[in-house]
Amino acid sequence: MTLILKISGNGNTSSYGNSSGYYGDDDVKMKMSSKQGWADCADEVPTSYNMFKNMPLYGIIVISILILLTATTFGLYIEEIFFIYNNFKIRTRATKTVWILGFFPIFSFTGLIGTVVPRSGPLVDMVANVFFGTCLYNFGQLMINYMGGHRRLWQMVERGRELKLNTLPVCCCCVCLPVSQFSRRTFFRITFMIMQVAVVRPVIMFVAAVLWTDGIYRPGDTSLNNGFIYIMVVNLISTMLAVYGLMLTKGALQENLQEKFSITGKIASLQLTLICSVIPNLIIGILVSNGVITCGPLLTSKGRGEVLYHMILVFLMLPFSMMGRQFYRRASDGDGYAEREKLNGNIDSVEMGYN
């Protein structure tokens, strides 16, 4: 509800109403929003042209910083491409590694687009999530590649290897969970938990884009009659299951992959990106709904929340890309496979079943 007060020159309030129009030039005009307080608020998310046309100087400075951060992220990625293809002898492994490292600049670029073109938010989020889904798939294939293929993986992993199920972030408090035996069936279930996010997140972001065109999905609006809260809940559950699957995978294969391939750092970089692409959006939505993030002359409160979320993505992707660079851009990763030592101290020479 918008309340408009008409104040006469003598300071007395002469009339008020719920109209959206303003009074004459001789009167002082004020507009009050029932949620945001006294403010000159935008009625809708502007086009990029209108936003840049009316953007203050500090806004131009922030956009310039975001462009610089995105360009730096892309610059690091281009250098990584040259390094990996020049130092990795196994070309399939090089391609998968380059693909996985690509999600940092892609997330940064889509975040930049979501900032400078505020109306594109649901669309760029869908593109980013689709690409990230392919990265998760390639990561699963990369771990199998490190082991020397499916056949060698099961030759390397001893029968009866135990797998603790009470781990972060889903079941860390469930101390009553039994210790499971790592088997082909268990590995399939873990892989399914990781891979489901590659399907669920793009699908729900497509649904969000469809609902957005129909006015039912309004980012930042956590009311029950809006699709945003339901999309975020499903997204959060799917993400937590994927992170849980990655933690179980680390527990199962860390013994074979940690020393040569630093699998813990590789998984951590994926987990951080997964979590930081969901949690900030949910927190910002709650802040918008509670009036902490208010509207402004250029953007509505929900629009400002969306822009803030995409700005956070751009700022986070540069340090995350440097973290991923440390664990993926390694010349030692380009050759060889995981090894296991026999009881007599000799290196186990298991038949190579490269895949």
Foldseek 3Di string as FASTA:
>chain_A
DKKKWWAAPVRDTDDIDDDPDFDDPRTDIWIADPQQGTAQFDPAADFLVVCVVPPDPVVVVLLVVLVVLLVVLVVVLVVLLVLLVVQFPPVLLSVLLSLLLVLLSLLSVLLSCCQSGVVCLLVSQLVSQLSNLVNLVSVVVNQCQQQQHDVSVVVQQDWQDWFDLCDPDPRVPVPVDDIDTDDPVNLVVLSCLQNVSSVLSSVLSVVLVVCVVVVQAQQLACDPSHCNVVSLVSLVVSLRSNLSSLVRVCRRCVVFACPQQVSVLQSVLSNVVSCLLRVLSVVLSVCLNNNVQQGHNNHGSSSVSSSVSSSVSSVPSSVSSVSSCVRSSDSSSSDDHTWDADPVGDIDDDDRNRD
